Amino acid sequence: MGIKTKKPMVKETVGALYYSFNKGNENGDFDEASYEDEVVKSEVVKNIATTENAESVIVRASGKVYDTVNSNEYIDMAIEVVAFDPADLAKMRADKIGESGLNRSGATKKRPFFAFGKVKKLLNGGVEYAWYPKCQLVENTDDIATKEENFSEQNDTITIRAYDYNNDEDKKTWVNSEMSNYPEGLTEDKFFSKPILTDDDLTNAIAAKSQEEVAGA
């Protein structure tokens, strides 16, 4: 048996974030086949801290360990941003937007689901693209401090929770350019043109012309 040395690419930076609101079904529940036509791209990210709410339970039988059962209920992402679109944040919070210009917040309401996408850029040109198809806003900060003599960033943190989006209890779809199955012809623009939930979604996204390709035609 031989030895194979691997040298994985190191992380360079976080990229843009993407999101697309889910339209829901007639009962207002998540519908994996129904998202708004528009995907929003926002290059405001300072940091993304991801935590999987996973636990392992040891099953014992006949005086020994029989098996280990692993469960992963959800994935939390705390996203530090320099700014965030106020209308979209209000929509994520299920705020009441008034026609007069007066908006209302704080009531207990069912918050909408949306797909959330993120980009991980690696040194030497590597990338990882990911979609979390079924997310909700959990909380957000809104801190502000006085202006000092020198400018300093006043960032906020948006916490998003990703849930199972299918019967297999999957929570994330992703591709990584270091892996042998990375699809030829895939670009960031194509991967985030719409939420990717299935193999067919990815195939169709690659086959479709990107905005840059349409503009250059």
N, C-alpha and C. Protein backbone atom coordinates (compact mmCIF):
# COMPACT_ATOMS: atom_id res chain seq x y z
N MET A 1 0.85 -1.20 0.00
CA MET A 1 0.00 0.00 0.00
C MET A 1 0.88 1.24 0.00
N GLY A 2 0.65 2.14 -0.95
CA GLY A 2 1.46 3.34 -1.08
C GLY A 2 0.96 4.48 -0.21
N ILE A 3 1.75 5.54 -0.17
CA ILE A 3 1.41 6.75 0.57
C ILE A 3 1.15 7.86 -0.44
N LYS A 4 0.01 8.50 -0.29
CA LYS A 4 -0.34 9.62 -1.16
C LYS A 4 -0.38 10.90 -0.34
N THR A 5 0.44 11.85 -0.70
CA THR A 5 0.48 13.13 0.00
C THR A 5 -0.50 14.10 -0.66
N LYS A 6 -1.35 14.71 0.18
CA LYS A 6 -2.30 15.70 -0.32
C LYS A 6 -2.01 17.05 0.31
N LYS A 7 -2.16 18.09 -0.48
CA LYS A 7 -1.95 19.46 0.00
C LYS A 7 -3.19 20.29 -0.34
N PRO A 8 -4.19 20.26 0.55
CA PRO A 8 -5.43 21.00 0.28
C PRO A 8 -5.17 22.51 0.22
N MET A 9 -5.98 23.19 -0.57
CA MET A 9 -5.89 24.64 -0.66
C MET A 9 -6.35 25.27 0.65
N VAL A 10 -5.69 26.34 1.06
CA VAL A 10 -6.09 27.05 2.27
C VAL A 10 -7.10 28.14 1.91
N LYS A 11 -7.90 28.52 2.90
CA LYS A 11 -8.91 29.55 2.67
C LYS A 11 -8.23 30.90 2.47
N GLU A 12 -8.79 31.68 1.55
CA GLU A 12 -8.29 33.03 1.31
C GLU A 12 -9.25 34.09 1.85
N THR A 13 -10.52 33.95 1.48
CA THR A 13 -11.49 34.97 1.91
C THR A 13 -12.91 34.47 1.71
N VAL A 14 -13.83 35.09 2.41
CA VAL A 14 -15.25 34.88 2.16
C VAL A 14 -15.65 35.75 0.98
N GLY A 15 -16.59 35.26 0.20
CA GLY A 15 -17.06 36.03 -0.95
C GLY A 15 -18.41 36.66 -0.68
N ALA A 16 -19.19 36.81 -1.73
CA ALA A 16 -20.51 37.43 -1.62
C ALA A 16 -21.50 36.48 -0.95
N LEU A 17 -22.59 37.03 -0.47
CA LEU A 17 -23.71 36.21 -0.02
C LEU A 17 -24.85 36.37 -1.02
N TYR A 18 -25.69 35.34 -1.08
CA TYR A 18 -26.83 35.33 -2.00
C TYR A 18 -28.07 34.86 -1.22
N TYR A 19 -29.24 35.34 -1.64
CA TYR A 19 -30.47 34.83 -1.05
C TYR A 19 -31.64 35.00 -2.01
N SER A 20 -32.60 34.09 -1.85
CA SER A 20 -33.81 34.12 -2.67
C SER A 20 -34.97 33.64 -1.80
N PHE A 21 -36.03 34.44 -1.72
CA PHE A 21 -37.15 34.11 -0.85
C PHE A 21 -37.99 32.98 -1.44
N ASN A 22 -38.45 32.10 -0.57
CA ASN A 22 -39.32 31.00 -0.97
C ASN A 22 -40.77 31.50 -1.00
N LYS A 23 -41.50 31.17 -2.06
CA LYS A 23 -42.88 31.63 -2.19
C LYS A 23 -43.82 30.89 -1.25
N GLY A 24 -43.49 29.64 -0.93
CA GLY A 24 -44.35 28.84 -0.07
C GLY A 24 -45.53 28.26 -0.82
N ASN A 25 -46.20 27.30 -0.18
CA ASN A 25 -47.39 26.71 -0.80
C ASN A 25 -48.65 27.43 -0.32
N GLU A 26 -49.81 26.86 -0.61
CA GLU A 26 -51.06 27.53 -0.27
C GLU A 26 -51.26 27.67 1.25
N ASN A 27 -50.54 26.85 2.02
CA ASN A 27 -50.64 26.92 3.48
C ASN A 27 -49.55 27.80 4.09
N GLY A 28 -48.72 28.37 3.23
CA GLY A 28 -47.64 29.21 3.72
C GLY A 28 -46.42 28.45 4.18
N ASP A 29 -46.39 27.14 3.90
CA ASP A 29 -45.24 26.32 4.28
C ASP A 29 -44.20 26.31 3.17
N PHE A 30 -43.01 25.85 3.50
CA PHE A 30 -41.91 25.80 2.54
C PHE A 30 -42.26 24.92 1.35
N ASP A 31 -41.93 25.42 0.16
CA ASP A 31 -42.15 24.68 -1.09
C ASP A 31 -40.85 24.68 -1.86
N GLU A 32 -40.21 23.51 -1.92
CA GLU A 32 -38.88 23.44 -2.54
C GLU A 32 -38.89 23.73 -4.03
N ALA A 33 -40.06 23.74 -4.64
CA ALA A 33 -40.15 24.00 -6.08
C ALA A 33 -40.53 25.44 -6.40
N SER A 34 -40.63 26.30 -5.37
CA SER A 34 -41.17 27.63 -5.62
C SER A 34 -40.35 28.71 -4.91
N TYR A 35 -39.48 29.36 -5.68
CA TYR A 35 -38.72 30.51 -5.19
C TYR A 35 -39.03 31.73 -6.05
N GLU A 36 -38.81 32.90 -5.49
CA GLU A 36 -38.97 34.11 -6.29
C GLU A 36 -37.95 34.10 -7.43
N ASP A 37 -38.29 34.78 -8.51
CA ASP A 37 -37.43 34.78 -9.70
C ASP A 37 -36.09 35.47 -9.43
N GLU A 38 -36.08 36.40 -8.51
CA GLU A 38 -34.89 37.19 -8.27
C GLU A 38 -34.01 36.57 -7.19
N VAL A 39 -32.72 36.46 -7.50
CA VAL A 39 -31.70 36.10 -6.51
C VAL A 39 -30.91 37.36 -6.19
N VAL A 40 -30.79 37.68 -4.91
CA VAL A 40 -30.08 38.88 -4.50
C VAL A 40 -28.62 38.52 -4.20
N LYS A 41 -27.71 39.33 -4.72
CA LYS A 41 -26.28 39.19 -4.42
C LYS A 41 -25.85 40.42 -3.62
N SER A 42 -25.10 40.17 -2.54
CA SER A 42 -24.67 41.28 -1.69
C SER A 42 -23.25 41.03 -1.20
N GLU A 43 -22.36 41.96 -1.51
CA GLU A 43 -20.95 41.81 -1.14
C GLU A 43 -20.67 42.64 0.13
N VAL A 44 -21.24 42.18 1.23
CA VAL A 44 -21.17 42.93 2.49
C VAL A 44 -20.57 42.10 3.63
N VAL A 45 -20.07 40.91 3.34
CA VAL A 45 -19.72 39.96 4.38
C VAL A 45 -18.31 40.21 4.94
N LYS A 46 -18.23 40.23 6.26
CA LYS A 46 -16.94 40.26 6.95
C LYS A 46 -16.53 38.88 7.44
N ASN A 47 -17.51 38.13 7.91
CA ASN A 47 -17.20 36.84 8.52
C ASN A 47 -18.48 35.99 8.58
N ILE A 48 -18.32 34.68 8.39
CA ILE A 48 -19.43 33.74 8.58
C ILE A 48 -18.97 32.63 9.51
N ALA A 49 -19.62 32.50 10.65
CA ALA A 49 -19.33 31.44 11.60
C ALA A 49 -20.45 30.41 11.52
N THR A 50 -20.11 29.18 11.15
CA THR A 50 -21.10 28.13 10.94
C THR A 50 -21.03 27.10 12.07
N THR A 51 -22.20 26.77 12.63
CA THR A 51 -22.27 25.79 13.72
C THR A 51 -23.35 24.77 13.40
N GLU A 52 -22.99 23.49 13.40
CA GLU A 52 -23.96 22.42 13.20
C GLU A 52 -24.48 21.95 14.55
N ASN A 53 -25.79 21.93 14.70
CA ASN A 53 -26.40 21.46 15.94
C ASN A 53 -26.51 19.94 15.87
N ALA A 54 -25.37 19.29 16.05
CA ALA A 54 -25.31 17.83 15.92
C ALA A 54 -25.03 17.18 17.27
N GLU A 55 -25.53 15.97 17.42
CA GLU A 55 -25.23 15.21 18.63
C GLU A 55 -25.17 13.73 18.30
N SER A 56 -24.42 13.00 19.12
CA SER A 56 -24.27 11.57 18.94
C SER A 56 -24.78 10.85 20.18
N VAL A 57 -25.55 9.79 19.97
CA VAL A 57 -26.08 8.99 21.07
C VAL A 57 -25.53 7.57 20.93
N ILE A 58 -24.90 7.09 21.97
CA ILE A 58 -24.33 5.74 21.96
C ILE A 58 -25.40 4.75 22.39
N VAL A 59 -25.62 3.74 21.55
CA VAL A 59 -26.57 2.68 21.85
C VAL A 59 -25.80 1.49 22.42
N ARG A 60 -26.15 1.07 23.63
CA ARG A 60 -25.48 -0.05 24.27
C ARG A 60 -26.40 -1.26 24.33
N ALA A 61 -25.84 -2.43 24.10
CA ALA A 61 -26.59 -3.68 24.17
C ALA A 61 -25.63 -4.81 24.53
N SER A 62 -26.12 -5.73 25.35
CA SER A 62 -25.33 -6.88 25.77
C SER A 62 -23.99 -6.48 26.38
N GLY A 63 -24.02 -5.38 27.12
CA GLY A 63 -22.84 -4.96 27.84
C GLY A 63 -21.76 -4.30 27.01
N LYS A 64 -22.08 -3.91 25.75
CA LYS A 64 -21.08 -3.24 24.91
C LYS A 64 -21.76 -2.25 23.98
N VAL A 65 -20.94 -1.45 23.31
CA VAL A 65 -21.46 -0.45 22.38
C VAL A 65 -21.97 -1.17 21.12
N TYR A 66 -23.26 -1.00 20.85
CA TYR A 66 -23.86 -1.64 19.69
C TYR A 66 -23.78 -0.75 18.46
N ASP A 67 -24.02 0.55 18.66
CA ASP A 67 -24.02 1.49 17.53
C ASP A 67 -23.96 2.91 18.07
N THR A 68 -23.68 3.84 17.17
CA THR A 68 -23.73 5.27 17.50
C THR A 68 -24.69 5.95 16.53
N VAL A 69 -25.69 6.62 17.08
CA VAL A 69 -26.69 7.30 16.26
C VAL A 69 -26.35 8.78 16.22
N ASN A 70 -26.15 9.31 15.03
CA ASN A 70 -25.83 10.72 14.85
C ASN A 70 -27.05 11.47 14.32
N SER A 71 -27.27 12.66 14.85
CA SER A 71 -28.37 13.49 14.37
C SER A 71 -27.88 14.92 14.21
N ASN A 72 -28.44 15.61 13.21
CA ASN A 72 -28.09 16.99 12.94
C ASN A 72 -29.39 17.75 12.69
N GLU A 73 -29.85 18.48 13.70
CA GLU A 73 -31.16 19.11 13.62
C GLU A 73 -31.18 20.32 12.69
N TYR A 74 -30.16 21.15 12.78
CA TYR A 74 -30.11 22.35 11.95
C TYR A 74 -28.69 22.89 11.94
N ILE A 75 -28.46 23.88 11.08
CA ILE A 75 -27.17 24.54 10.95
C ILE A 75 -27.38 26.03 11.18
N ASP A 76 -26.63 26.60 12.09
CA ASP A 76 -26.70 28.03 12.35
C ASP A 76 -25.51 28.74 11.72
N MET A 77 -25.78 29.89 11.11
CA MET A 77 -24.73 30.72 10.52
C MET A 77 -24.84 32.13 11.06
N ALA A 78 -23.82 32.58 11.77
CA ALA A 78 -23.75 33.95 12.26
C ALA A 78 -22.93 34.76 11.27
N ILE A 79 -23.57 35.68 10.59
CA ILE A 79 -22.95 36.40 9.48
C ILE A 79 -22.71 37.84 9.88
N GLU A 80 -21.45 38.22 9.99
CA GLU A 80 -21.11 39.60 10.29
C GLU A 80 -21.08 40.38 8.99
N VAL A 81 -21.83 41.48 8.95
CA VAL A 81 -21.94 42.27 7.72
C VAL A 81 -21.67 43.73 8.02
N VAL A 82 -21.19 44.45 7.01
CA VAL A 82 -20.96 45.89 7.16
C VAL A 82 -22.26 46.66 6.95
N ALA A 83 -23.21 46.04 6.27
CA ALA A 83 -24.52 46.64 6.01
C ALA A 83 -25.43 45.55 5.47
N PHE A 84 -26.75 45.81 5.47
CA PHE A 84 -27.69 44.85 4.91
C PHE A 84 -28.91 45.61 4.43
N ASP A 85 -29.46 45.17 3.31
CA ASP A 85 -30.62 45.86 2.72
C ASP A 85 -31.77 45.89 3.73
N PRO A 86 -32.23 47.08 4.11
CA PRO A 86 -33.24 47.18 5.18
C PRO A 86 -34.59 46.58 4.80
N ALA A 87 -34.97 46.68 3.54
CA ALA A 87 -36.26 46.12 3.11
C ALA A 87 -36.24 44.59 3.17
N ASP A 88 -35.13 43.99 2.74
CA ASP A 88 -35.03 42.53 2.77
C ASP A 88 -34.92 42.03 4.21
N LEU A 89 -34.19 42.76 5.05
CA LEU A 89 -34.10 42.36 6.46
C LEU A 89 -35.47 42.43 7.12
N ALA A 90 -36.23 43.46 6.81
CA ALA A 90 -37.59 43.57 7.34
C ALA A 90 -38.47 42.41 6.88
N LYS A 91 -38.29 42.01 5.64
CA LYS A 91 -39.06 40.87 5.11
C LYS A 91 -38.67 39.59 5.82
N MET A 92 -37.37 39.40 6.08
CA MET A 92 -36.91 38.21 6.80
C MET A 92 -37.47 38.17 8.23
N ARG A 93 -37.66 39.35 8.83
CA ARG A 93 -38.19 39.43 10.19
C ARG A 93 -39.71 39.35 10.22
N ALA A 94 -40.34 39.37 9.05
CA ALA A 94 -41.81 39.39 8.93
C ALA A 94 -42.38 40.67 9.52
N ASP A 95 -41.66 41.77 9.36
CA ASP A 95 -42.17 43.07 9.80
C ASP A 95 -43.35 43.50 8.93
N LYS A 96 -44.16 44.37 9.48
CA LYS A 96 -45.30 44.91 8.72
C LYS A 96 -44.86 46.21 8.07
N ILE A 97 -44.83 46.22 6.75
CA ILE A 97 -44.38 47.38 5.99
C ILE A 97 -45.60 48.22 5.61
N GLY A 98 -45.67 49.43 6.11
CA GLY A 98 -46.84 50.27 5.88
C GLY A 98 -46.74 51.08 4.61
N GLU A 99 -47.87 51.27 3.94
CA GLU A 99 -47.90 52.05 2.71
C GLU A 99 -47.60 53.52 2.98
N SER A 100 -47.88 53.98 4.19
CA SER A 100 -47.63 55.38 4.54
C SER A 100 -46.15 55.66 4.76
N GLY A 101 -45.35 54.58 4.90
CA GLY A 101 -43.93 54.73 5.22
C GLY A 101 -43.61 54.31 6.63
N LEU A 102 -44.64 54.11 7.47
CA LEU A 102 -44.44 53.67 8.84
C LEU A 102 -44.42 52.14 8.88
N ASN A 103 -43.36 51.59 9.46
CA ASN A 103 -43.21 50.14 9.54
C ASN A 103 -43.32 49.68 10.99
N ARG A 104 -43.74 48.44 11.19
CA ARG A 104 -43.93 47.90 12.53
C ARG A 104 -43.15 46.60 12.71
N SER A 105 -42.47 46.49 13.86
CA SER A 105 -41.66 45.31 14.16
C SER A 105 -41.97 44.79 15.55
N GLY A 106 -41.53 43.56 15.80
CA GLY A 106 -41.57 43.02 17.15
C GLY A 106 -42.69 42.06 17.44
N ALA A 107 -43.72 42.03 16.63
CA ALA A 107 -44.82 41.10 16.86
C ALA A 107 -44.38 39.68 16.57
N THR A 108 -45.02 38.71 17.23
CA THR A 108 -44.72 37.31 16.99
C THR A 108 -45.42 36.86 15.71
N LYS A 109 -44.63 36.60 14.69
CA LYS A 109 -45.17 36.19 13.40
C LYS A 109 -44.30 35.07 12.82
N LYS A 110 -44.89 34.31 11.93
CA LYS A 110 -44.14 33.27 11.23
C LYS A 110 -43.23 33.92 10.21
N ARG A 111 -41.95 33.67 10.32
CA ARG A 111 -40.99 34.29 9.42
C ARG A 111 -40.86 33.49 8.13
N PRO A 112 -40.63 34.17 7.02
CA PRO A 112 -40.56 33.46 5.73
C PRO A 112 -39.29 32.64 5.59
N PHE A 113 -39.38 31.61 4.77
CA PHE A 113 -38.20 30.82 4.42
C PHE A 113 -37.51 31.45 3.21
N PHE A 114 -36.23 31.25 3.13
CA PHE A 114 -35.46 31.70 1.96
C PHE A 114 -34.25 30.81 1.80
N ALA A 115 -33.73 30.78 0.59
CA ALA A 115 -32.48 30.07 0.31
C ALA A 115 -31.32 31.03 0.54
N PHE A 116 -30.27 30.53 1.15
CA PHE A 116 -29.09 31.36 1.43
C PHE A 116 -27.87 30.71 0.78
N GLY A 117 -27.08 31.54 0.09
CA GLY A 117 -25.88 31.03 -0.57
C GLY A 117 -24.64 31.78 -0.12
N LYS A 118 -23.52 31.06 -0.06
CA LYS A 118 -22.27 31.69 0.33
C LYS A 118 -21.12 31.18 -0.52
N VAL A 119 -20.06 31.99 -0.56
CA VAL A 119 -18.88 31.69 -1.37
C VAL A 119 -17.65 31.63 -0.47
N LYS A 120 -16.89 30.55 -0.63
CA LYS A 120 -15.60 30.42 0.05
C LYS A 120 -14.52 30.43 -1.03
N LYS A 121 -13.62 31.40 -0.95
CA LYS A 121 -12.54 31.49 -1.93
C LYS A 121 -11.25 30.95 -1.32
N LEU A 122 -10.56 30.12 -2.09
CA LEU A 122 -9.33 29.48 -1.65
C LEU A 122 -8.13 30.06 -2.39
N LEU A 123 -6.97 29.94 -1.79
CA LEU A 123 -5.75 30.40 -2.47
C LEU A 123 -5.55 29.62 -3.76
N ASN A 124 -4.91 30.27 -4.72
CA ASN A 124 -4.61 29.66 -6.03
C ASN A 124 -5.86 29.42 -6.86
N GLY A 125 -6.93 30.20 -6.58
CA GLY A 125 -8.09 30.17 -7.46
C GLY A 125 -9.15 29.16 -7.14
N GLY A 126 -9.01 28.42 -6.07
CA GLY A 126 -10.03 27.44 -5.71
C GLY A 126 -11.26 28.11 -5.13
N VAL A 127 -12.41 27.43 -5.25
CA VAL A 127 -13.67 27.98 -4.72
C VAL A 127 -14.53 26.87 -4.15
N GLU A 128 -15.41 27.27 -3.25
CA GLU A 128 -16.50 26.40 -2.81
C GLU A 128 -17.76 27.24 -2.80
N TYR A 129 -18.78 26.75 -3.51
CA TYR A 129 -20.08 27.43 -3.56
C TYR A 129 -21.09 26.58 -2.80
N ALA A 130 -21.97 27.22 -2.03
CA ALA A 130 -22.94 26.46 -1.24
C ALA A 130 -24.29 27.17 -1.22
N TRP A 131 -25.34 26.36 -1.29
CA TRP A 131 -26.71 26.82 -1.08
C TRP A 131 -27.27 26.12 0.15
N TYR A 132 -27.99 26.86 0.98
CA TYR A 132 -28.80 26.31 2.06
C TYR A 132 -30.25 26.62 1.68
N PRO A 133 -30.97 25.65 1.12
CA PRO A 133 -32.26 25.97 0.47
C PRO A 133 -33.39 26.39 1.40
N LYS A 134 -33.36 25.98 2.67
CA LYS A 134 -34.48 26.28 3.57
C LYS A 134 -33.96 26.95 4.83
N CYS A 135 -34.00 28.26 4.85
CA CYS A 135 -33.46 29.03 5.98
C CYS A 135 -34.50 30.00 6.52
N GLN A 136 -34.28 30.38 7.76
CA GLN A 136 -35.03 31.47 8.39
C GLN A 136 -34.08 32.34 9.17
N LEU A 137 -34.43 33.60 9.28
CA LEU A 137 -33.68 34.51 10.15
C LEU A 137 -34.01 34.17 11.60
N VAL A 138 -32.97 33.97 12.42
CA VAL A 138 -33.16 33.66 13.83
C VAL A 138 -33.08 34.94 14.66
N GLU A 139 -32.04 35.74 14.42
CA GLU A 139 -31.89 37.00 15.14
C GLU A 139 -30.94 37.91 14.38
N ASN A 140 -30.98 39.18 14.74
CA ASN A 140 -30.04 40.13 14.15
C ASN A 140 -29.73 41.21 15.17
N THR A 141 -28.50 41.70 15.12
CA THR A 141 -28.12 42.80 16.00
C THR A 141 -28.32 44.13 15.28
N ASP A 142 -28.45 45.19 16.07
CA ASP A 142 -28.63 46.53 15.50
C ASP A 142 -27.94 47.52 16.43
N ASP A 143 -26.63 47.36 16.56
CA ASP A 143 -25.84 48.19 17.47
C ASP A 143 -25.33 49.44 16.75
N ILE A 144 -25.23 50.51 17.48
CA ILE A 144 -24.66 51.74 16.92
C ILE A 144 -23.92 52.49 18.02
N ALA A 145 -22.82 53.10 17.65
CA ALA A 145 -22.00 53.84 18.61
C ALA A 145 -21.74 55.24 18.07
N THR A 146 -21.25 56.10 18.94
CA THR A 146 -20.99 57.47 18.53
C THR A 146 -19.84 57.55 17.54
N LYS A 147 -19.86 58.56 16.72
CA LYS A 147 -18.80 58.79 15.75
C LYS A 147 -17.55 59.27 16.46
N GLU A 148 -16.43 58.62 16.18
CA GLU A 148 -15.15 59.02 16.77
C GLU A 148 -14.38 59.88 15.78
N GLU A 149 -13.19 60.31 16.22
CA GLU A 149 -12.36 61.17 15.36
C GLU A 149 -11.95 60.44 14.10
N ASN A 150 -11.62 59.16 14.25
CA ASN A 150 -11.29 58.33 13.10
C ASN A 150 -12.44 57.36 12.83
N PHE A 151 -12.71 57.13 11.56
CA PHE A 151 -13.81 56.24 11.20
C PHE A 151 -13.53 54.82 11.67
N SER A 152 -14.57 54.17 12.20
CA SER A 152 -14.47 52.76 12.55
C SER A 152 -15.75 52.06 12.10
N GLU A 153 -15.59 50.83 11.66
CA GLU A 153 -16.74 50.07 11.19
C GLU A 153 -17.71 49.78 12.33
N GLN A 154 -18.99 49.85 12.02
CA GLN A 154 -20.03 49.49 12.98
C GLN A 154 -20.86 48.36 12.35
N ASN A 155 -20.38 47.17 12.55
CA ASN A 155 -20.96 46.01 11.88
C ASN A 155 -22.06 45.37 12.70
N ASP A 156 -22.91 44.62 12.03
CA ASP A 156 -23.98 43.87 12.68
C ASP A 156 -23.85 42.40 12.33
N THR A 157 -24.52 41.58 13.11
CA THR A 157 -24.51 40.13 12.87
C THR A 157 -25.93 39.64 12.63
N ILE A 158 -26.08 38.91 11.54
CA ILE A 158 -27.36 38.30 11.18
C ILE A 158 -27.21 36.79 11.36
N THR A 159 -28.06 36.18 12.17
CA THR A 159 -27.99 34.74 12.40
C THR A 159 -29.09 34.04 11.63
N ILE A 160 -28.68 33.12 10.77
CA ILE A 160 -29.60 32.38 9.90
C ILE A 160 -29.54 30.91 10.28
N ARG A 161 -30.70 30.27 10.30
CA ARG A 161 -30.77 28.84 10.62
C ARG A 161 -31.25 28.06 9.40
N ALA A 162 -30.49 27.02 9.04
CA ALA A 162 -30.83 26.18 7.89
C ALA A 162 -31.45 24.87 8.37
N TYR A 163 -32.58 24.51 7.77
CA TYR A 163 -33.31 23.28 8.13
C TYR A 163 -33.28 22.27 6.99
N ASP A 164 -33.80 21.06 7.28
CA ASP A 164 -33.95 20.05 6.22
C ASP A 164 -34.84 20.61 5.12
N TYR A 165 -34.43 20.41 3.87
CA TYR A 165 -35.26 20.88 2.76
C TYR A 165 -35.88 19.73 1.97
N ASN A 166 -35.49 18.49 2.30
CA ASN A 166 -36.07 17.34 1.59
C ASN A 166 -36.26 16.17 2.57
N ASN A 167 -36.79 15.08 2.06
CA ASN A 167 -37.08 13.92 2.91
C ASN A 167 -35.81 13.21 3.38
N ASP A 168 -34.69 13.46 2.73
CA ASP A 168 -33.43 12.87 3.15
C ASP A 168 -32.76 13.66 4.27
N GLU A 169 -33.40 14.72 4.70
CA GLU A 169 -32.91 15.58 5.78
C GLU A 169 -31.63 16.34 5.39
N ASP A 170 -31.46 16.58 4.10
CA ASP A 170 -30.34 17.40 3.63
C ASP A 170 -30.61 18.86 3.96
N LYS A 171 -29.54 19.58 4.25
CA LYS A 171 -29.66 20.99 4.60
C LYS A 171 -28.83 21.89 3.70
N LYS A 172 -27.94 21.30 2.92
CA LYS A 172 -26.97 22.09 2.16
C LYS A 172 -26.64 21.38 0.86
N THR A 173 -26.48 22.16 -0.20
CA THR A 173 -25.92 21.64 -1.45
C THR A 173 -24.66 22.45 -1.75
N TRP A 174 -23.63 21.80 -2.25
CA TRP A 174 -22.37 22.52 -2.44
C TRP A 174 -21.49 21.83 -3.47
N VAL A 175 -20.56 22.61 -4.00
CA VAL A 175 -19.53 22.11 -4.91
C VAL A 175 -18.20 22.69 -4.48
N ASN A 176 -17.14 21.96 -4.75
CA ASN A 176 -15.79 22.41 -4.40
C ASN A 176 -14.86 22.11 -5.56
N SER A 177 -14.14 23.13 -6.02
CA SER A 177 -13.31 22.99 -7.21
C SER A 177 -12.11 22.06 -7.01
N GLU A 178 -11.77 21.73 -5.77
CA GLU A 178 -10.68 20.79 -5.51
C GLU A 178 -11.10 19.34 -5.73
N MET A 179 -12.38 19.08 -5.75
CA MET A 179 -12.87 17.71 -5.84
C MET A 179 -13.00 17.27 -7.29
N SER A 180 -12.83 15.98 -7.51
CA SER A 180 -12.81 15.44 -8.88
C SER A 180 -14.16 15.54 -9.57
N ASN A 181 -15.24 15.67 -8.79
CA ASN A 181 -16.58 15.74 -9.40
C ASN A 181 -17.03 17.17 -9.68
N TYR A 182 -16.11 18.13 -9.54
CA TYR A 182 -16.49 19.52 -9.81
C TYR A 182 -16.88 19.67 -11.28
N PRO A 183 -18.07 20.17 -11.57
CA PRO A 183 -18.55 20.19 -12.95
C PRO A 183 -17.82 21.19 -13.84
N GLU A 184 -17.50 20.75 -15.02
CA GLU A 184 -16.86 21.62 -16.01
C GLU A 184 -17.84 22.69 -16.47
N GLY A 185 -17.35 23.90 -16.58
CA GLY A 185 -18.18 25.00 -17.07
C GLY A 185 -18.97 25.72 -16.00
N LEU A 186 -18.82 25.30 -14.75
CA LEU A 186 -19.57 25.95 -13.67
C LEU A 186 -18.85 27.23 -13.22
N THR A 187 -19.61 28.30 -13.09
CA THR A 187 -19.09 29.57 -12.60
C THR A 187 -19.93 30.02 -11.41
N GLU A 188 -19.46 31.01 -10.69
CA GLU A 188 -20.23 31.54 -9.57
C GLU A 188 -21.57 32.10 -10.05
N ASP A 189 -21.53 32.80 -11.17
CA ASP A 189 -22.75 33.39 -11.71
C ASP A 189 -23.79 32.32 -12.02
N LYS A 190 -23.36 31.20 -12.57
CA LYS A 190 -24.30 30.14 -12.92
C LYS A 190 -24.81 29.40 -11.68
N PHE A 191 -23.92 29.12 -10.73
CA PHE A 191 -24.34 28.37 -9.55
C PHE A 191 -25.37 29.14 -8.75
N PHE A 192 -25.25 30.46 -8.71
CA PHE A 192 -26.15 31.27 -7.90
C PHE A 192 -27.24 31.95 -8.72
N SER A 193 -27.45 31.50 -9.94
CA SER A 193 -28.53 32.07 -10.76
C SER A 193 -29.90 31.71 -10.20
N LYS A 194 -29.98 30.62 -9.45
CA LYS A 194 -31.19 30.18 -8.77
C LYS A 194 -30.77 29.18 -7.70
N PRO A 195 -31.59 28.96 -6.68
CA PRO A 195 -31.23 27.95 -5.68
C PRO A 195 -31.06 26.57 -6.31
N ILE A 196 -30.00 25.89 -5.95
CA ILE A 196 -29.67 24.57 -6.47
C ILE A 196 -30.03 23.53 -5.42
N LEU A 197 -31.05 22.70 -5.71
CA LEU A 197 -31.48 21.67 -4.77
C LEU A 197 -31.21 20.27 -5.27
N THR A 198 -31.12 20.08 -6.59
CA THR A 198 -31.00 18.75 -7.17
C THR A 198 -29.90 18.71 -8.22
N ASP A 199 -29.57 17.49 -8.65
CA ASP A 199 -28.60 17.32 -9.74
C ASP A 199 -29.10 17.98 -11.01
N ASP A 200 -30.39 17.87 -11.27
CA ASP A 200 -30.95 18.50 -12.47
C ASP A 200 -30.84 20.01 -12.39
N ASP A 201 -31.05 20.58 -11.22
CA ASP A 201 -30.89 22.03 -11.06
C ASP A 201 -29.48 22.46 -11.45
N LEU A 202 -28.49 21.69 -11.01
CA LEU A 202 -27.10 22.04 -11.32
C LEU A 202 -26.82 21.89 -12.81
N THR A 203 -27.30 20.82 -13.40
CA THR A 203 -27.08 20.59 -14.84
C THR A 203 -27.71 21.72 -15.66
N ASN A 204 -28.92 22.11 -15.30
CA ASN A 204 -29.61 23.19 -16.03
C ASN A 204 -28.90 24.53 -15.84
N ALA A 205 -28.38 24.77 -14.64
CA ALA A 205 -27.68 26.02 -14.38
C ALA A 205 -26.41 26.13 -15.22
N ILE A 206 -25.69 25.03 -15.36
CA ILE A 206 -24.47 25.03 -16.16
C ILE A 206 -24.79 25.24 -17.63
N ALA A 207 -25.87 24.61 -18.09
CA ALA A 207 -26.24 24.70 -19.51
C ALA A 207 -26.76 26.07 -19.88
N ALA A 208 -27.36 26.78 -18.94
CA ALA A 208 -27.92 28.10 -19.22
C ALA A 208 -26.82 29.11 -19.45
N LYS A 209 -27.11 30.11 -20.26
CA LYS A 209 -26.14 31.17 -20.50
C LYS A 209 -26.14 32.13 -19.32
N SER A 210 -24.95 32.52 -18.90
CA SER A 210 -24.84 33.49 -17.80
C SER A 210 -25.14 34.88 -18.32
N GLN A 211 -25.27 35.84 -17.40
CA GLN A 211 -25.53 37.23 -17.79
C GLN A 211 -24.39 37.76 -18.64
N GLU A 212 -23.16 37.38 -18.28
CA GLU A 212 -21.99 37.86 -19.05
C GLU A 212 -22.01 37.27 -20.47
N GLU A 213 -22.41 36.00 -20.59
CA GLU A 213 -22.45 35.36 -21.91
C GLU A 213 -23.55 35.99 -22.77
N VAL A 214 -24.69 36.32 -22.16
CA VAL A 214 -25.78 36.94 -22.90
C VAL A 214 -25.36 38.34 -23.35
N ALA A 215 -24.68 39.08 -22.48
CA ALA A 215 -24.27 40.43 -22.81
C ALA A 215 -23.23 40.45 -23.92
N GLY A 216 -22.40 39.39 -23.97
CA GLY A 216 -21.34 39.35 -24.97
C GLY A 216 -21.76 38.73 -26.28
N ALA A 217 -23.00 38.22 -26.33
CA ALA A 217 -23.48 37.55 -27.56
C ALA A 217 -23.72 38.56 -28.67
